Amino acid sequence: MKNVADTVPSGTDEHDPSSSACERADGATPVVVARPNDPTRLFSWDVRSDGGGLGGVTDDEGLAIRHVREAVDRADGDAHGLVRRVGLSQVGGPAYVEFGVVGEAWRDEETGAVVWREA
């Protein structure tokens, strides 16, 4: 996989481009420009369970975490959810580029409680 190029000088954004990866079918590396307080900074969330899955995208990190916790809590059987920091690709068609995992949630097998762990 090729790393996504981040044109923001080091120390100006919390994204770690070395851990971000995206590969296009033509082998080109998409370029994403991330800026502090950029309104295009988004958070994707998804939950997989025995009964299916839920997911979405929001510009509110706290809301994404809340959606994951609630979906894991309501899911039938085993459930696991992730919140990822994403942005819109500036190259090619509409696509999200992942900047890393914010955290994950799952149901504790013994207690049934939802557990959240930040990445």
C-alpha atoms as a PDB file:
ATOM      1  CA  MET A   1       0.000   0.000   0.000  1.00  0.00           C
ATOM      2  CA  LYS A   2       1.127   3.546  -0.644  1.00  0.00           C
ATOM      3  CA  ASN A   3       1.000   6.277   1.981  1.00  0.00           C
ATOM      4  CA  VAL A   4      -1.304   9.222   1.521  1.00  0.00           C
ATOM      5  CA  ALA A   5       0.655  12.455   1.145  1.00  0.00           C
ATOM      6  CA  ASP A   6      -0.215  15.074   3.713  1.00  0.00           C
ATOM      7  CA  THR A   7       0.899  18.554   2.688  1.00  0.00           C
ATOM      8  CA  VAL A   8       0.479  20.145   6.107  1.00  0.00           C
ATOM      9  CA  PRO A   9       3.792  20.894   7.844  1.00  0.00           C
ATOM     10  CA  SER A  10       4.666  18.580  10.718  1.00  0.00           C
ATOM     11  CA  GLY A  11       3.087  19.506  14.031  1.00  0.00           C
ATOM     12  CA  THR A  12       0.136  21.443  12.556  1.00  0.00           C
ATOM     13  CA  ASP A  13      -2.324  18.560  12.436  1.00  0.00           C
ATOM     14  CA  GLU A  14      -2.972  15.466  14.476  1.00  0.00           C
ATOM     15  CA  HIS A  15      -3.031  13.159  11.432  1.00  0.00           C
ATOM     16  CA  ASP A  16      -0.121  10.786  11.047  1.00  0.00           C
ATOM     17  CA  PRO A  17       0.377  10.348   7.293  1.00  0.00           C
ATOM     18  CA  SER A  18       2.763   7.447   7.832  1.00  0.00           C
ATOM     19  CA  SER A  19      -0.114   5.378   9.245  1.00  0.00           C
ATOM     20  CA  SER A  20      -2.607   6.450   6.585  1.00  0.00           C
ATOM     21  CA  ALA A  21      -2.852   4.263   3.563  1.00  0.00           C
ATOM     22  CA  CYS A  22      -4.872   4.330   0.399  1.00  0.00           C
ATOM     23  CA  GLU A  23      -4.266   2.734  -2.949  1.00  0.00           C
ATOM     24  CA  ARG A  24      -5.999   3.460  -6.231  1.00  0.00           C
ATOM     25  CA  ALA A  25      -6.533   0.883  -8.944  1.00  0.00           C
ATOM     26  CA  ASP A  26      -4.190   2.793 -11.292  1.00  0.00           C
ATOM     27  CA  GLY A  27      -1.416   2.769  -8.667  1.00  0.00           C
ATOM     28  CA  ALA A  28      -1.399   6.561  -8.245  1.00  0.00           C
ATOM     29  CA  THR A  29      -1.139   7.952  -4.731  1.00  0.00           C
ATOM     30  CA  PRO A  30      -4.054  10.235  -3.806  1.00  0.00           C
ATOM     31  CA  VAL A  31      -3.092  13.541  -2.238  1.00  0.00           C
ATOM     32  CA  VAL A  32      -5.196  14.814   0.635  1.00  0.00           C
ATOM     33  CA  VAL A  33      -4.686  18.255   2.108  1.00  0.00           C
ATOM     34  CA  ALA A  34      -5.629  18.311   5.786  1.00  0.00           C
ATOM     35  CA  ARG A  35      -5.848  21.589   7.683  1.00  0.00           C
ATOM     36  CA  PRO A  36      -6.485  22.261  11.373  1.00  0.00           C
ATOM     37  CA  ASN A  37     -10.144  23.141  11.966  1.00  0.00           C
ATOM     38  CA  ASP A  38     -10.942  22.037   8.419  1.00  0.00           C
ATOM     39  CA  PRO A  39     -14.715  21.526   8.123  1.00  0.00           C
ATOM     40  CA  THR A  40     -14.111  18.632   5.735  1.00  0.00           C
ATOM     41  CA  ARG A  41     -12.502  16.512   8.478  1.00  0.00           C
ATOM     42  CA  LEU A  42     -14.891  13.649   9.022  1.00  0.00           C
ATOM     43  CA  PHE A  43     -15.371  10.569  11.168  1.00  0.00           C
ATOM     44  CA  SER A  44     -16.711   7.302   9.809  1.00  0.00           C
ATOM     45  CA  TRP A  45     -18.229   4.750  12.114  1.00  0.00           C
ATOM     46  CA  ASP A  46     -19.310   1.187  11.579  1.00  0.00           C
ATOM     47  CA  VAL A  47     -20.543  -1.683  13.691  1.00  0.00           C
ATOM     48  CA  ARG A  48     -20.634  -5.329  12.659  1.00  0.00           C
ATOM     49  CA  SER A  49     -22.668  -7.881  14.576  1.00  0.00           C
ATOM     50  CA  ASP A  50     -24.231 -11.316  14.206  1.00  0.00           C
ATOM     51  CA  GLY A  51     -27.410  -9.550  13.048  1.00  0.00           C
ATOM     52  CA  GLY A  52     -25.799  -7.336  10.380  1.00  0.00           C
ATOM     53  CA  GLY A  53     -24.208  -3.920  10.584  1.00  0.00           C
ATOM     54  CA  LEU A  54     -24.660  -0.178  10.817  1.00  0.00           C
ATOM     55  CA  GLY A  55     -22.471   2.725   9.821  1.00  0.00           C
ATOM     56  CA  GLY A  56     -22.237   6.327   8.817  1.00  0.00           C
ATOM     57  CA  VAL A  57     -20.128   9.459   8.509  1.00  0.00           C
ATOM     58  CA  THR A  58     -20.285  12.642  10.585  1.00  0.00           C
ATOM     59  CA  ASP A  59     -18.179  15.735  11.231  1.00  0.00           C
ATOM     60  CA  ASP A  60     -18.622  15.246  15.010  1.00  0.00           C
ATOM     61  CA  GLU A  61     -16.180  12.803  16.628  1.00  0.00           C
ATOM     62  CA  GLY A  62     -18.228  12.547  19.821  1.00  0.00           C
ATOM     63  CA  LEU A  63     -21.367  11.738  17.861  1.00  0.00           C
ATOM     64  CA  ALA A  64     -19.563   8.996  15.921  1.00  0.00           C
ATOM     65  CA  ILE A  65     -18.377   7.435  19.204  1.00  0.00           C
ATOM     66  CA  ARG A  66     -21.896   7.659  20.643  1.00  0.00           C
ATOM     67  CA  HIS A  67     -23.363   5.969  17.524  1.00  0.00           C
ATOM     68  CA  VAL A  68     -20.871   3.103  17.849  1.00  0.00           C
ATOM     69  CA  ARG A  69     -21.512   2.606  21.563  1.00  0.00           C
ATOM     70  CA  GLU A  70     -25.290   2.643  21.089  1.00  0.00           C
ATOM     71  CA  ALA A  71     -25.175   0.284  18.087  1.00  0.00           C
ATOM     72  CA  VAL A  72     -22.935  -2.199  19.923  1.00  0.00           C
ATOM     73  CA  ASP A  73     -25.255  -2.014  22.944  1.00  0.00           C
ATOM     74  CA  ARG A  74     -28.363  -2.716  20.835  1.00  0.00           C
ATOM     75  CA  ALA A  75     -26.790  -5.379  18.589  1.00  0.00           C
ATOM     76  CA  ASP A  76     -27.768  -9.017  18.782  1.00  0.00           C
ATOM     77  CA  GLY A  77     -24.950 -11.371  19.714  1.00  0.00           C
ATOM     78  CA  ASP A  78     -21.307 -10.498  19.228  1.00  0.00           C
ATOM     79  CA  ALA A  79     -20.705  -6.909  18.061  1.00  0.00           C
ATOM     80  CA  HIS A  80     -17.642  -4.810  17.288  1.00  0.00           C
ATOM     81  CA  GLY A  81     -17.440  -1.187  16.163  1.00  0.00           C
ATOM     82  CA  LEU A  82     -14.800   1.250  14.908  1.00  0.00           C
ATOM     83  CA  VAL A  83     -14.540   5.011  14.551  1.00  0.00           C
ATOM     84  CA  ARG A  84     -12.059   6.202  11.948  1.00  0.00           C
ATOM     85  CA  ARG A  85     -10.784   9.674  11.073  1.00  0.00           C
ATOM     86  CA  VAL A  86     -11.420  10.209   7.352  1.00  0.00           C
ATOM     87  CA  GLY A  87     -11.381  12.942   4.752  1.00  0.00           C
ATOM     88  CA  LEU A  88     -12.609  13.312   1.214  1.00  0.00           C
ATOM     89  CA  SER A  89     -10.071  12.400  -1.440  1.00  0.00           C
ATOM     90  CA  GLN A  90      -8.982  15.346  -3.550  1.00  0.00           C
ATOM     91  CA  VAL A  91      -8.063  13.062  -6.455  1.00  0.00           C
ATOM     92  CA  GLY A  92     -10.389  11.003  -8.622  1.00  0.00           C
ATOM     93  CA  GLY A  93     -13.981  10.228  -7.812  1.00  0.00           C
ATOM     94  CA  PRO A  94     -15.725  10.622  -4.482  1.00  0.00           C
ATOM     95  CA  ALA A  95     -13.925   8.487  -1.924  1.00  0.00           C
ATOM     96  CA  TYR A  96     -12.931   8.640   1.718  1.00  0.00           C
ATOM     97  CA  VAL A  97      -9.285   8.451   2.710  1.00  0.00           C
ATOM     98  CA  GLU A  98      -8.627   6.972   6.143  1.00  0.00           C
ATOM     99  CA  PHE A  99      -6.283   8.838   8.503  1.00  0.00           C
ATOM    100  CA  GLY A 100      -6.422   6.264  11.270  1.00  0.00           C
ATOM    101  CA  VAL A 101      -8.613   4.638  13.868  1.00  0.00           C
ATOM    102  CA  VAL A 102      -9.952   6.842  16.668  1.00  0.00           C
ATOM    103  CA  GLY A 103     -11.111   3.900  18.766  1.00  0.00           C
ATOM    104  CA  GLU A 104     -13.139   0.733  18.939  1.00  0.00           C
ATOM    105  CA  ALA A 105     -15.995  -0.710  20.958  1.00  0.00           C
ATOM    106  CA  TRP A 106     -17.218  -4.209  21.725  1.00  0.00           C
ATOM    107  CA  ARG A 107     -19.494  -5.999  24.156  1.00  0.00           C
ATOM    108  CA  ASP A 108     -17.711  -7.645  27.094  1.00  0.00           C
ATOM    109  CA  GLU A 109     -18.575 -11.355  27.043  1.00  0.00           C
ATOM    110  CA  GLU A 110     -18.758 -11.705  30.832  1.00  0.00           C
ATOM    111  CA  THR A 111     -20.615  -8.544  31.849  1.00  0.00           C
ATOM    112  CA  GLY A 112     -22.439  -7.587  28.651  1.00  0.00           C
ATOM    113  CA  ALA A 113     -21.187  -4.011  29.105  1.00  0.00           C
ATOM    114  CA  VAL A 114     -19.987  -1.984  26.108  1.00  0.00           C
ATOM    115  CA  VAL A 115     -16.236  -1.410  26.275  1.00  0.00           C
ATOM    116  CA  TRP A 116     -14.612   1.562  24.467  1.00  0.00           C
ATOM    117  CA  ARG A 117     -10.866   1.754  23.789  1.00  0.00           C
ATOM    118  CA  GLU A 118      -9.189   4.754  22.203  1.00  0.00           C
ATOM    119  CA  ALA A 119      -6.550   3.969  19.617  1.00  0.00           C
END
